[in-house]
């Protein structure tokens, strides 16, 4: 299956470089380019790309606003891969919270960019949950206050809750399985159930959900623990 990509950056040279890095790949087709978030939203509606490779900082409608609008306005929004200059950047945190599935730096190699697009298109989160947690720990002041009541729906089982808390601490499926004495395939099933029940698209969004709902707090402590 060919991955349809729209490249979004306000700098023509950067757009050209990104497109040239992706175009030679037999499974990737660059179907359009946009100079800002507004154009990206328009092209997403007409071209139906699988992935937007999008700069986070642009004049007008930036990558954060565009990602948020796409998530709200489309039943099947494209995956968003954020391009940024700095990895520990509050703009990146906001983009992930808005619904981006990961990010790569602007100085990434063509091979790293191609890998990122393929991972995002496959429905996975590129950014390791542990890195997401480091970002959220650093920018915890951006997060809302924890909710006083349990934010999880009643359909979430105690086992699924335990899996969610371990995901939020950056553990892989294999590591979660070892902690909970489960097969890795069982952990994967629980993760799938959590995504469906909580309306999230990938593991990164599960980490952010756990932080925003107060299930886990900066420095990795959980509510009611020291």
N, C-alpha and C. Protein backbone atom coordinates (compact mmCIF):
# COMPACT_ATOMS: atom_id res chain seq x y z
N UNK A 1 0.84 -1.18 0.00
CA UNK A 1 0.00 0.00 0.00
C UNK A 1 0.88 1.25 0.00
N UNK A 2 0.55 2.21 -0.84
CA UNK A 2 1.31 3.45 -0.93
C UNK A 2 0.86 4.43 0.15
N UNK A 3 1.83 5.02 0.82
CA UNK A 3 1.55 6.01 1.86
C UNK A 3 1.49 7.39 1.21
N UNK A 4 0.35 8.01 1.29
CA UNK A 4 0.16 9.34 0.70
C UNK A 4 0.53 10.41 1.73
N UNK A 5 1.44 11.30 1.33
CA UNK A 5 2.00 12.28 2.26
C UNK A 5 1.81 13.69 1.72
N UNK A 6 1.46 14.60 2.62
CA UNK A 6 1.48 16.04 2.34
C UNK A 6 2.55 16.66 3.23
N UNK A 7 3.44 17.44 2.62
CA UNK A 7 4.52 18.11 3.34
C UNK A 7 4.12 19.55 3.62
N UNK A 8 4.27 19.99 4.88
CA UNK A 8 3.81 21.32 5.29
C UNK A 8 4.95 22.06 5.98
N UNK A 9 5.40 23.15 5.37
CA UNK A 9 6.44 23.99 5.96
C UNK A 9 6.39 25.35 5.28
N UNK A 10 6.60 26.41 6.04
CA UNK A 10 6.53 27.75 5.44
C UNK A 10 7.78 28.11 4.66
N UNK A 11 8.85 27.32 4.77
CA UNK A 11 10.08 27.58 4.04
C UNK A 11 10.14 26.69 2.80
N UNK A 12 10.15 27.29 1.60
CA UNK A 12 10.16 26.50 0.36
C UNK A 12 11.32 25.51 0.28
N UNK A 13 12.50 25.91 0.74
CA UNK A 13 13.66 25.01 0.67
C UNK A 13 13.46 23.80 1.57
N UNK A 14 12.87 24.00 2.75
CA UNK A 14 12.62 22.88 3.65
C UNK A 14 11.56 21.96 3.07
N UNK A 15 10.51 22.52 2.49
CA UNK A 15 9.49 21.68 1.85
C UNK A 15 10.12 20.83 0.76
N UNK A 16 10.97 21.47 -0.05
CA UNK A 16 11.61 20.74 -1.14
C UNK A 16 12.51 19.63 -0.60
N UNK A 17 13.26 19.92 0.46
CA UNK A 17 14.17 18.92 1.02
C UNK A 17 13.39 17.74 1.59
N UNK A 18 12.29 18.03 2.28
CA UNK A 18 11.47 16.96 2.85
C UNK A 18 10.86 16.10 1.74
N UNK A 19 10.34 16.76 0.72
CA UNK A 19 9.72 16.02 -0.39
C UNK A 19 10.75 15.16 -1.11
N UNK A 20 11.94 15.72 -1.33
CA UNK A 20 12.99 14.97 -2.03
C UNK A 20 13.47 13.78 -1.23
N UNK A 21 13.41 13.88 0.09
CA UNK A 21 13.81 12.75 0.94
C UNK A 21 12.80 11.60 0.86
N UNK A 22 11.52 11.95 0.66
CA UNK A 22 10.46 10.94 0.68
C UNK A 22 10.14 10.39 -0.70
N UNK A 23 10.22 11.21 -1.73
CA UNK A 23 9.75 10.84 -3.07
C UNK A 23 10.40 9.59 -3.66
N UNK A 24 11.68 9.33 -3.44
CA UNK A 24 12.28 8.14 -4.06
C UNK A 24 11.78 6.80 -3.53
N UNK A 25 11.11 6.82 -2.38
CA UNK A 25 10.69 5.56 -1.76
C UNK A 25 9.50 4.97 -2.53
N UNK A 26 9.55 3.69 -2.87
CA UNK A 26 8.48 3.09 -3.69
C UNK A 26 7.13 3.01 -2.99
N UNK A 27 7.13 3.03 -1.65
CA UNK A 27 5.88 2.90 -0.91
C UNK A 27 5.37 4.24 -0.39
N UNK A 28 6.01 5.35 -0.80
CA UNK A 28 5.61 6.68 -0.34
C UNK A 28 5.38 7.58 -1.55
N UNK A 29 4.26 8.31 -1.54
CA UNK A 29 3.97 9.28 -2.59
C UNK A 29 3.66 10.63 -1.96
N UNK A 30 4.46 11.64 -2.31
CA UNK A 30 4.19 13.00 -1.86
C UNK A 30 3.12 13.58 -2.77
N UNK A 31 1.91 13.72 -2.26
CA UNK A 31 0.78 14.13 -3.10
C UNK A 31 0.53 15.63 -3.06
N UNK A 32 1.20 16.34 -2.15
CA UNK A 32 0.98 17.78 -2.09
C UNK A 32 1.92 18.46 -1.12
N UNK A 33 2.01 19.78 -1.24
CA UNK A 33 2.80 20.59 -0.33
C UNK A 33 1.97 21.80 0.09
N UNK A 34 2.18 22.25 1.32
CA UNK A 34 1.46 23.40 1.85
C UNK A 34 2.43 24.31 2.59
N UNK A 35 2.14 25.61 2.56
CA UNK A 35 3.02 26.60 3.17
C UNK A 35 2.60 26.96 4.59
N UNK A 36 1.41 26.54 5.01
CA UNK A 36 0.98 26.81 6.37
C UNK A 36 -0.13 25.84 6.76
N UNK A 37 -0.57 25.95 8.02
CA UNK A 37 -1.57 25.02 8.51
C UNK A 37 -2.90 25.13 7.81
N UNK A 38 -3.28 26.33 7.41
CA UNK A 38 -4.57 26.50 6.73
C UNK A 38 -4.58 25.73 5.41
N UNK A 39 -3.52 25.87 4.63
CA UNK A 39 -3.42 25.13 3.38
C UNK A 39 -3.37 23.62 3.64
N UNK A 40 -2.71 23.24 4.72
CA UNK A 40 -2.62 21.81 5.06
C UNK A 40 -4.00 21.23 5.31
N UNK A 41 -4.84 21.97 6.03
CA UNK A 41 -6.20 21.50 6.31
C UNK A 41 -6.98 21.35 5.02
N UNK A 42 -6.84 22.33 4.12
CA UNK A 42 -7.54 22.27 2.84
C UNK A 42 -7.09 21.07 2.02
N UNK A 43 -5.76 20.85 1.94
CA UNK A 43 -5.24 19.73 1.16
C UNK A 43 -5.63 18.39 1.79
N UNK A 44 -5.67 18.35 3.11
CA UNK A 44 -6.08 17.11 3.78
C UNK A 44 -7.49 16.73 3.39
N UNK A 45 -8.35 17.75 3.20
CA UNK A 45 -9.72 17.48 2.81
C UNK A 45 -9.87 17.02 1.38
N UNK A 46 -9.03 17.54 0.49
CA UNK A 46 -9.17 17.20 -0.93
C UNK A 46 -8.32 16.01 -1.35
N UNK A 47 -7.13 15.87 -0.76
CA UNK A 47 -6.20 14.83 -1.20
C UNK A 47 -6.25 13.56 -0.36
N UNK A 48 -6.84 13.65 0.83
CA UNK A 48 -6.96 12.49 1.72
C UNK A 48 -5.62 11.79 1.97
N UNK A 49 -4.61 12.53 2.43
CA UNK A 49 -3.31 11.89 2.70
C UNK A 49 -3.38 10.99 3.93
N UNK A 50 -2.43 10.08 4.01
CA UNK A 50 -2.32 9.24 5.20
C UNK A 50 -1.52 9.94 6.30
N UNK A 51 -0.54 10.74 5.88
CA UNK A 51 0.36 11.39 6.83
C UNK A 51 0.60 12.83 6.42
N UNK A 52 0.59 13.74 7.40
CA UNK A 52 1.06 15.10 7.20
C UNK A 52 2.41 15.22 7.89
N UNK A 53 3.44 15.59 7.13
CA UNK A 53 4.74 15.92 7.70
C UNK A 53 4.75 17.43 7.87
N UNK A 54 4.63 17.92 9.10
CA UNK A 54 4.28 19.31 9.31
C UNK A 54 5.18 20.02 10.31
N UNK A 55 5.66 21.19 9.90
CA UNK A 55 6.43 22.04 10.79
C UNK A 55 5.53 22.49 11.94
N UNK A 56 6.08 22.54 13.15
CA UNK A 56 5.27 22.92 14.30
C UNK A 56 5.09 24.44 14.38
N UNK A 57 6.10 25.19 13.92
CA UNK A 57 6.03 26.65 14.02
C UNK A 57 5.94 27.26 12.63
N UNK A 58 4.80 27.88 12.34
CA UNK A 58 4.58 28.55 11.06
C UNK A 58 3.74 29.79 11.30
N UNK A 59 3.91 30.83 10.49
CA UNK A 59 3.04 32.00 10.62
C UNK A 59 1.61 31.63 10.25
N UNK A 60 0.66 32.37 10.80
CA UNK A 60 -0.74 32.07 10.52
C UNK A 60 -1.17 30.86 11.34
N UNK A 61 -1.73 29.88 10.67
CA UNK A 61 -2.15 28.65 11.33
C UNK A 61 -0.95 27.73 11.50
N UNK A 62 -0.49 27.54 12.73
CA UNK A 62 0.71 26.73 12.94
C UNK A 62 0.36 25.24 13.00
N UNK A 63 1.38 24.43 13.21
CA UNK A 63 1.18 23.00 13.21
C UNK A 63 0.28 22.50 14.32
N UNK A 64 0.32 23.17 15.46
CA UNK A 64 -0.53 22.78 16.59
C UNK A 64 -2.00 23.01 16.26
N UNK A 65 -2.31 24.22 15.81
CA UNK A 65 -3.70 24.56 15.48
C UNK A 65 -4.22 23.67 14.36
N UNK A 66 -3.38 23.43 13.36
CA UNK A 66 -3.82 22.60 12.24
C UNK A 66 -4.10 21.17 12.70
N UNK A 67 -3.24 20.64 13.54
CA UNK A 67 -3.46 19.28 14.06
C UNK A 67 -4.75 19.20 14.85
N UNK A 68 -4.97 20.18 15.69
CA UNK A 68 -6.19 20.19 16.51
C UNK A 68 -7.45 20.28 15.65
N UNK A 69 -7.42 21.14 14.63
CA UNK A 69 -8.58 21.29 13.75
C UNK A 69 -8.84 20.02 12.95
N UNK A 70 -7.78 19.37 12.49
CA UNK A 70 -7.95 18.14 11.73
C UNK A 70 -8.59 17.04 12.59
N UNK A 71 -8.17 16.96 13.83
CA UNK A 71 -8.72 15.95 14.73
C UNK A 71 -10.19 16.19 15.00
N UNK A 72 -10.60 17.46 15.04
CA UNK A 72 -11.99 17.78 15.36
C UNK A 72 -12.90 17.67 14.15
N UNK A 73 -12.37 17.94 12.97
CA UNK A 73 -13.23 18.11 11.79
C UNK A 73 -13.32 16.88 10.91
N UNK A 74 -12.50 15.86 11.17
CA UNK A 74 -12.47 14.70 10.28
C UNK A 74 -12.70 13.42 11.06
N UNK A 75 -13.53 12.55 10.50
CA UNK A 75 -13.77 11.25 11.13
C UNK A 75 -12.53 10.37 11.04
N UNK A 76 -11.74 10.57 10.01
CA UNK A 76 -10.51 9.81 9.83
C UNK A 76 -9.37 10.78 9.48
N UNK A 77 -8.91 11.52 10.47
CA UNK A 77 -7.86 12.51 10.19
C UNK A 77 -6.55 11.83 9.83
N UNK A 78 -5.73 12.49 9.02
CA UNK A 78 -4.41 11.92 8.72
C UNK A 78 -3.54 11.92 9.96
N UNK A 79 -2.58 11.03 9.99
CA UNK A 79 -1.58 11.05 11.05
C UNK A 79 -0.69 12.26 10.86
N UNK A 80 -0.24 12.83 11.95
CA UNK A 80 0.60 14.02 11.88
C UNK A 80 1.98 13.72 12.47
N UNK A 81 2.99 13.94 11.66
CA UNK A 81 4.39 13.85 12.10
C UNK A 81 4.92 15.27 12.17
N UNK A 82 5.25 15.71 13.37
CA UNK A 82 5.70 17.08 13.59
C UNK A 82 7.20 17.18 13.29
N UNK A 83 7.57 18.25 12.59
CA UNK A 83 8.97 18.56 12.33
C UNK A 83 9.34 19.75 13.21
N UNK A 84 10.41 19.62 13.97
CA UNK A 84 10.78 20.69 14.90
C UNK A 84 12.29 20.83 14.98
N UNK A 85 12.71 22.00 15.43
CA UNK A 85 14.15 22.26 15.60
C UNK A 85 14.66 21.75 16.93
N UNK A 86 13.81 21.82 17.97
CA UNK A 86 14.23 21.45 19.31
C UNK A 86 13.35 20.33 19.84
N UNK A 87 13.99 19.30 20.44
CA UNK A 87 13.20 18.17 20.91
C UNK A 87 12.45 18.48 22.20
N UNK A 88 13.07 19.19 23.14
CA UNK A 88 12.38 19.54 24.39
C UNK A 88 11.80 20.94 24.23
N UNK A 89 10.66 21.01 23.63
CA UNK A 89 10.05 22.27 23.23
C UNK A 89 8.58 22.22 23.61
N UNK A 90 8.09 23.28 24.28
CA UNK A 90 6.69 23.25 24.70
C UNK A 90 5.75 23.19 23.50
N UNK A 91 6.20 23.65 22.34
CA UNK A 91 5.38 23.52 21.14
C UNK A 91 5.17 22.05 20.80
N UNK A 92 6.19 21.24 21.02
CA UNK A 92 6.07 19.80 20.76
C UNK A 92 5.06 19.17 21.71
N UNK A 93 5.12 19.56 22.97
CA UNK A 93 4.16 19.05 23.95
C UNK A 93 2.75 19.38 23.51
N UNK A 94 2.52 20.62 23.11
CA UNK A 94 1.19 21.03 22.69
C UNK A 94 0.76 20.29 21.43
N UNK A 95 1.69 20.05 20.51
CA UNK A 95 1.35 19.32 19.28
C UNK A 95 0.95 17.89 19.60
N UNK A 96 1.65 17.25 20.52
CA UNK A 96 1.31 15.89 20.92
C UNK A 96 -0.05 15.86 21.61
N UNK A 97 -0.30 16.85 22.45
CA UNK A 97 -1.60 16.92 23.11
C UNK A 97 -2.72 17.18 22.11
N UNK A 98 -2.39 17.90 21.04
CA UNK A 98 -3.40 18.20 20.01
C UNK A 98 -3.72 16.99 19.15
N UNK A 99 -2.85 15.97 19.17
CA UNK A 99 -3.14 14.77 18.41
C UNK A 99 -2.05 14.28 17.48
N UNK A 100 -0.89 14.95 17.46
CA UNK A 100 0.21 14.46 16.64
C UNK A 100 0.69 13.11 17.17
N UNK A 101 1.18 12.28 16.28
CA UNK A 101 1.61 10.94 16.67
C UNK A 101 3.11 10.83 16.91
N UNK A 102 3.83 11.92 16.78
CA UNK A 102 5.25 11.90 17.04
C UNK A 102 5.95 13.07 16.40
N UNK A 103 7.27 13.12 16.57
CA UNK A 103 8.02 14.21 15.95
C UNK A 103 9.41 13.75 15.58
N UNK A 104 10.00 14.44 14.62
CA UNK A 104 11.41 14.27 14.26
C UNK A 104 12.04 15.65 14.18
N UNK A 105 13.34 15.70 14.36
CA UNK A 105 14.05 16.97 14.28
C UNK A 105 14.32 17.33 12.83
N UNK A 106 14.49 18.63 12.57
CA UNK A 106 14.72 19.09 11.21
C UNK A 106 16.06 18.62 10.65
N UNK A 107 16.99 18.26 11.53
CA UNK A 107 18.26 17.76 11.04
C UNK A 107 18.29 16.23 10.95
N UNK A 108 17.12 15.60 10.99
CA UNK A 108 17.05 14.14 10.83
C UNK A 108 17.54 13.75 9.44
N UNK A 109 18.11 12.58 9.33
CA UNK A 109 18.56 12.08 8.03
C UNK A 109 17.35 11.67 7.20
N UNK A 110 17.50 11.59 5.86
CA UNK A 110 16.40 11.10 5.03
C UNK A 110 15.91 9.73 5.48
N UNK A 111 16.83 8.88 5.91
CA UNK A 111 16.44 7.54 6.36
C UNK A 111 15.57 7.62 7.61
N UNK A 112 15.93 8.51 8.53
CA UNK A 112 15.13 8.67 9.75
C UNK A 112 13.74 9.23 9.43
N UNK A 113 13.67 10.15 8.48
CA UNK A 113 12.38 10.72 8.10
C UNK A 113 11.49 9.66 7.46
N UNK A 114 12.06 8.89 6.56
CA UNK A 114 11.30 7.83 5.89
C UNK A 114 10.79 6.82 6.92
N UNK A 115 11.66 6.43 7.85
CA UNK A 115 11.24 5.49 8.90
C UNK A 115 10.10 6.07 9.71
N UNK A 116 10.20 7.36 10.05
CA UNK A 116 9.16 8.00 10.86
C UNK A 116 7.82 7.98 10.13
N UNK A 117 7.82 8.30 8.85
CA UNK A 117 6.58 8.31 8.07
C UNK A 117 5.97 6.92 8.04
N UNK A 118 6.78 5.92 7.85
CA UNK A 118 6.26 4.54 7.79
C UNK A 118 5.67 4.11 9.13
N UNK A 119 6.35 4.45 10.22
CA UNK A 119 5.85 4.09 11.55
C UNK A 119 4.52 4.77 11.83
N UNK A 120 4.44 6.08 11.54
CA UNK A 120 3.22 6.84 11.77
C UNK A 120 2.08 6.29 10.91
N UNK A 121 2.37 6.00 9.65
CA UNK A 121 1.34 5.50 8.73
C UNK A 121 0.80 4.15 9.17
N UNK A 122 1.64 3.36 9.84
CA UNK A 122 1.23 2.04 10.30
C UNK A 122 0.36 2.10 11.55
N UNK A 123 0.12 3.33 12.04
CA UNK A 123 -0.74 3.47 13.21
C UNK A 123 -0.02 3.44 14.53
N UNK A 124 1.31 3.49 14.49
CA UNK A 124 2.07 3.47 15.72
C UNK A 124 2.49 4.90 16.09
N UNK A 125 2.90 5.07 17.34
CA UNK A 125 3.44 6.35 17.77
C UNK A 125 4.95 6.29 17.64
N UNK A 126 5.51 7.28 16.98
CA UNK A 126 6.96 7.27 16.78
C UNK A 126 7.71 7.56 18.06
N UNK A 127 7.21 8.51 18.83
CA UNK A 127 7.89 8.94 20.04
C UNK A 127 7.71 7.93 21.15
N UNK A 128 8.81 7.45 21.71
CA UNK A 128 8.72 6.48 22.80
C UNK A 128 8.00 7.12 23.98
N UNK A 129 7.08 6.38 24.62
CA UNK A 129 6.34 6.95 25.75
C UNK A 129 7.24 7.54 26.83
N UNK A 130 8.42 6.96 27.04
CA UNK A 130 9.33 7.51 28.04
C UNK A 130 9.78 8.91 27.69
N UNK A 131 9.97 9.19 26.41
CA UNK A 131 10.34 10.52 25.97
C UNK A 131 9.16 11.46 26.15
N UNK A 132 7.96 10.97 25.83
CA UNK A 132 6.77 11.79 26.04
C UNK A 132 6.65 12.18 27.51
N UNK A 133 6.91 11.22 28.38
CA UNK A 133 6.82 11.51 29.81
C UNK A 133 7.86 12.55 30.21
N UNK A 134 9.07 12.48 29.66
CA UNK A 134 10.10 13.48 29.96
C UNK A 134 9.66 14.86 29.51
N UNK A 135 9.04 14.93 28.35
CA UNK A 135 8.51 16.20 27.87
C UNK A 135 7.43 16.74 28.80
N UNK A 136 6.52 15.86 29.19
CA UNK A 136 5.41 16.29 30.04
C UNK A 136 5.89 16.68 31.43
N UNK A 137 6.90 15.95 31.94
CA UNK A 137 7.46 16.33 33.23
C UNK A 137 8.04 17.74 33.18
N UNK A 138 8.70 18.04 32.09
CA UNK A 138 9.34 19.36 31.96
C UNK A 138 8.31 20.48 31.83
N UNK A 139 7.21 20.16 31.14
CA UNK A 139 6.21 21.20 30.90
C UNK A 139 4.90 20.91 31.64
N UNK A 140 5.04 20.38 32.85
CA UNK A 140 3.86 20.02 33.64
C UNK A 140 2.97 21.23 33.92
N UNK A 141 3.56 22.41 33.94
CA UNK A 141 2.76 23.62 34.22
C UNK A 141 1.70 23.86 33.15
N UNK A 142 1.88 23.24 31.96
CA UNK A 142 0.90 23.42 30.90
C UNK A 142 -0.33 22.54 31.10
N UNK A 143 -0.22 21.57 31.98
CA UNK A 143 -1.30 20.60 32.13
C UNK A 143 -2.37 21.11 33.09
N UNK A 144 -3.62 20.73 32.86
CA UNK A 144 -4.69 21.14 33.78
C UNK A 144 -4.56 20.42 35.12
N UNK A 145 -5.24 20.96 36.12
CA UNK A 145 -5.22 20.33 37.44
C UNK A 145 -5.88 18.96 37.36
N UNK A 146 -5.40 17.97 38.14
CA UNK A 146 -6.02 16.64 38.14
C UNK A 146 -7.50 16.70 38.53
N UNK A 147 -8.26 15.82 37.97
CA UNK A 147 -9.68 15.76 38.30
C UNK A 147 -9.87 15.12 39.67
N UNK A 148 -10.87 15.57 40.45
CA UNK A 148 -11.07 15.02 41.79
C UNK A 148 -11.61 13.59 41.78
N UNK A 149 -12.37 13.23 40.74
CA UNK A 149 -12.96 11.89 40.67
C UNK A 149 -12.17 11.02 39.69
N UNK A 150 -12.37 9.72 39.80
CA UNK A 150 -11.71 8.80 38.88
C UNK A 150 -12.18 9.11 37.46
N UNK A 151 -11.27 9.45 36.56
CA UNK A 151 -11.68 9.85 35.22
C UNK A 151 -11.90 8.68 34.26
N UNK A 152 -11.58 7.48 34.70
CA UNK A 152 -11.70 6.34 33.80
C UNK A 152 -13.15 5.85 33.75
N UNK A 153 -13.63 5.51 32.55
CA UNK A 153 -14.99 4.97 32.45
C UNK A 153 -15.08 3.62 33.15
N UNK A 154 -16.29 3.26 33.53
CA UNK A 154 -16.51 2.01 34.26
C UNK A 154 -16.12 0.79 33.44
N UNK A 155 -16.09 0.94 32.12
CA UNK A 155 -15.74 -0.20 31.26
C UNK A 155 -14.27 -0.57 31.34
N UNK A 156 -13.43 0.32 31.86
CA UNK A 156 -12.00 0.02 31.99
C UNK A 156 -11.80 -0.91 33.19
N UNK A 157 -11.24 -2.06 32.94
CA UNK A 157 -11.05 -3.05 34.00
C UNK A 157 -9.84 -2.70 34.87
N UNK A 158 -9.75 -3.26 36.06
CA UNK A 158 -8.57 -3.02 36.91
C UNK A 158 -7.27 -3.39 36.20
N UNK A 159 -7.27 -4.48 35.43
CA UNK A 159 -6.06 -4.88 34.70
C UNK A 159 -5.70 -3.84 33.65
N UNK A 160 -6.70 -3.34 32.96
CA UNK A 160 -6.44 -2.31 31.94
C UNK A 160 -5.92 -1.03 32.59
N UNK A 161 -6.45 -0.70 33.75
CA UNK A 161 -5.96 0.48 34.47
C UNK A 161 -4.49 0.31 34.83
N UNK A 162 -4.13 -0.88 35.30
CA UNK A 162 -2.74 -1.14 35.65
C UNK A 162 -1.84 -1.01 34.43
N UNK A 163 -2.31 -1.51 33.29
CA UNK A 163 -1.54 -1.40 32.04
C UNK A 163 -1.38 0.07 31.66
N UNK A 164 -2.43 0.84 31.79
CA UNK A 164 -2.38 2.26 31.44
C UNK A 164 -1.34 2.99 32.28
N UNK A 165 -1.33 2.74 33.58
CA UNK A 165 -0.38 3.43 34.46
C UNK A 165 1.06 3.06 34.10
N UNK A 166 1.29 1.83 33.69
CA UNK A 166 2.64 1.42 33.30
C UNK A 166 3.03 1.99 31.95
N UNK A 167 2.07 2.10 31.04
CA UNK A 167 2.34 2.78 29.76
C UNK A 167 2.76 4.22 30.04
N UNK A 168 2.05 4.87 30.95
CA UNK A 168 2.33 6.27 31.26
C UNK A 168 3.71 6.46 31.90
N UNK A 169 4.25 5.39 32.47
CA UNK A 169 5.59 5.46 33.03
C UNK A 169 6.67 5.11 32.01
N UNK A 170 6.24 4.86 30.76
CA UNK A 170 7.19 4.65 29.69
C UNK A 170 7.59 3.20 29.45
N UNK A 171 6.87 2.24 30.03
CA UNK A 171 7.24 0.84 29.87
C UNK A 171 6.74 0.30 28.53
N UNK A 172 7.53 -0.56 27.93
CA UNK A 172 7.14 -1.25 26.70
C UNK A 172 6.16 -2.37 27.03
N UNK A 173 5.56 -2.97 26.00
CA UNK A 173 4.65 -4.09 26.23
C UNK A 173 5.35 -5.24 26.92
N UNK A 174 6.60 -5.51 26.51
CA UNK A 174 7.34 -6.60 27.13
C UNK A 174 7.59 -6.34 28.61
N UNK A 175 7.98 -5.11 28.94
CA UNK A 175 8.24 -4.77 30.34
C UNK A 175 6.96 -4.81 31.16
N UNK A 176 5.86 -4.33 30.59
CA UNK A 176 4.57 -4.40 31.29
C UNK A 176 4.20 -5.85 31.56
N UNK A 177 4.41 -6.70 30.59
CA UNK A 177 4.12 -8.11 30.77
C UNK A 177 4.90 -8.72 31.91
N UNK A 178 6.17 -8.33 32.04
CA UNK A 178 6.99 -8.87 33.12
C UNK A 178 6.50 -8.37 34.48
N UNK A 179 6.09 -7.11 34.55
CA UNK A 179 5.61 -6.56 35.81
C UNK A 179 4.30 -7.21 36.23
N UNK A 180 3.40 -7.40 35.26
CA UNK A 180 2.06 -7.92 35.57
C UNK A 180 1.94 -9.43 35.35
N UNK A 181 3.05 -10.06 34.98
CA UNK A 181 3.07 -11.51 34.73
C UNK A 181 2.06 -11.89 33.64
N UNK A 182 2.13 -11.17 32.54
CA UNK A 182 1.26 -11.41 31.39
C UNK A 182 2.10 -11.66 30.15
N UNK A 183 1.54 -12.42 29.22
CA UNK A 183 2.18 -12.56 27.92
C UNK A 183 2.15 -11.23 27.19
N UNK A 184 3.16 -10.97 26.38
CA UNK A 184 3.20 -9.69 25.65
C UNK A 184 1.99 -9.53 24.75
N UNK A 185 1.50 -10.65 24.19
CA UNK A 185 0.32 -10.59 23.34
C UNK A 185 -0.91 -10.15 24.14
N UNK A 186 -0.99 -10.57 25.42
CA UNK A 186 -2.10 -10.14 26.27
C UNK A 186 -2.03 -8.65 26.56
N UNK A 187 -0.80 -8.16 26.79
CA UNK A 187 -0.63 -6.73 27.03
C UNK A 187 -1.07 -5.95 25.80
N UNK A 188 -0.69 -6.43 24.63
CA UNK A 188 -1.08 -5.75 23.39
C UNK A 188 -2.60 -5.69 23.26
N UNK A 189 -3.27 -6.76 23.65
CA UNK A 189 -4.74 -6.77 23.62
C UNK A 189 -5.30 -5.73 24.58
N UNK A 190 -4.74 -5.65 25.78
CA UNK A 190 -5.20 -4.65 26.75
C UNK A 190 -4.99 -3.23 26.22
N UNK A 191 -3.85 -3.01 25.57
CA UNK A 191 -3.58 -1.68 25.00
C UNK A 191 -4.63 -1.34 23.95
N UNK A 192 -4.97 -2.30 23.11
CA UNK A 192 -6.00 -2.08 22.10
C UNK A 192 -7.34 -1.73 22.71
N UNK A 193 -7.69 -2.42 23.80
CA UNK A 193 -8.94 -2.13 24.48
C UNK A 193 -8.92 -0.72 25.08
N UNK A 194 -7.78 -0.32 25.65
CA UNK A 194 -7.67 1.02 26.22
C UNK A 194 -7.83 2.09 25.15
N UNK A 195 -7.19 1.89 24.01
CA UNK A 195 -7.31 2.88 22.93
C UNK A 195 -8.77 3.05 22.51
N UNK A 196 -9.48 1.93 22.41
CA UNK A 196 -10.87 1.99 21.99
C UNK A 196 -11.76 2.63 23.07
N UNK A 197 -11.58 2.21 24.31
CA UNK A 197 -12.45 2.70 25.38
C UNK A 197 -12.20 4.16 25.73
N UNK A 198 -10.96 4.61 25.57
CA UNK A 198 -10.62 5.99 25.94
C UNK A 198 -10.61 6.93 24.74
N UNK A 199 -10.85 6.38 23.55
CA UNK A 199 -10.92 7.21 22.35
C UNK A 199 -9.59 7.83 21.97
N UNK A 200 -8.50 7.12 22.22
CA UNK A 200 -7.17 7.62 21.89
C UNK A 200 -6.62 6.88 20.67
N UNK A 201 -5.65 7.50 19.98
CA UNK A 201 -5.19 6.92 18.73
C UNK A 201 -3.90 6.11 18.85
N UNK A 202 -3.10 6.34 19.90
CA UNK A 202 -1.85 5.60 20.01
C UNK A 202 -1.32 5.71 21.44
N UNK A 203 -0.17 5.10 21.70
CA UNK A 203 0.39 5.05 23.05
C UNK A 203 0.76 6.44 23.57
N UNK A 204 1.26 7.28 22.68
CA UNK A 204 1.60 8.64 23.10
C UNK A 204 0.38 9.34 23.68
N UNK A 205 -0.76 9.18 22.99
CA UNK A 205 -1.99 9.82 23.48
C UNK A 205 -2.45 9.20 24.80
N UNK A 206 -2.18 7.92 25.03
CA UNK A 206 -2.51 7.30 26.32
C UNK A 206 -1.68 7.92 27.44
N UNK A 207 -0.40 8.17 27.17
CA UNK A 207 0.46 8.81 28.17
C UNK A 207 -0.09 10.19 28.52
N UNK A 208 -0.41 10.96 27.49
CA UNK A 208 -0.92 12.32 27.71
C UNK A 208 -2.25 12.27 28.45
N UNK A 209 -3.12 11.33 28.09
CA UNK A 209 -4.40 11.17 28.78
C UNK A 209 -4.17 10.92 30.27
N UNK A 210 -3.24 10.02 30.59
CA UNK A 210 -2.98 9.70 31.99
C UNK A 210 -2.50 10.92 32.76
N UNK A 211 -1.66 11.74 32.13
CA UNK A 211 -1.19 12.97 32.77
C UNK A 211 -2.33 13.96 32.95
N UNK A 212 -3.08 14.18 31.89
CA UNK A 212 -4.13 15.20 31.93
C UNK A 212 -5.24 14.84 32.92
N UNK A 213 -5.49 13.55 33.08
CA UNK A 213 -6.53 13.11 34.00
C UNK A 213 -6.03 12.96 35.43
N UNK A 214 -4.74 13.23 35.65
CA UNK A 214 -4.19 13.15 37.00
C UNK A 214 -3.90 11.74 37.48
N UNK A 215 -3.89 10.76 36.56
CA UNK A 215 -3.59 9.39 36.95
C UNK A 215 -2.12 9.21 37.27
N UNK A 216 -1.29 10.01 36.62
CA UNK A 216 0.13 10.01 36.92
C UNK A 216 0.58 11.46 36.88
N UNK A 217 1.54 11.78 37.71
CA UNK A 217 1.95 13.17 37.84
C UNK A 217 3.43 13.33 37.57
N UNK A 218 3.89 14.55 37.33
CA UNK A 218 5.31 14.77 37.03
C UNK A 218 6.25 14.10 38.02
N UNK A 219 7.38 13.64 37.50
CA UNK A 219 8.40 12.86 38.19
C UNK A 219 7.95 11.42 38.41
N UNK A 220 6.78 11.06 37.82
CA UNK A 220 6.38 9.66 37.83
C UNK A 220 5.58 9.24 39.03
N UNK A 221 5.33 10.13 39.98
CA UNK A 221 4.54 9.75 41.14
C UNK A 221 3.09 9.64 40.77
N UNK A 222 2.37 8.76 41.43
CA UNK A 222 0.96 8.62 41.17
C UNK A 222 0.17 9.25 42.29
N UNK A 223 -1.03 9.70 42.01
CA UNK A 223 -1.83 10.33 43.06
C UNK A 223 -1.94 9.44 44.28
N UNK A 224 -1.68 10.04 45.44
CA UNK A 224 -1.78 9.28 46.68
C UNK A 224 -0.52 8.55 47.05
N UNK A 225 0.57 8.75 46.26
CA UNK A 225 1.84 8.10 46.60
C UNK A 225 2.89 9.16 46.83
N UNK A 226 3.99 8.77 47.43
CA UNK A 226 5.07 9.72 47.68
C UNK A 226 6.31 9.28 46.93
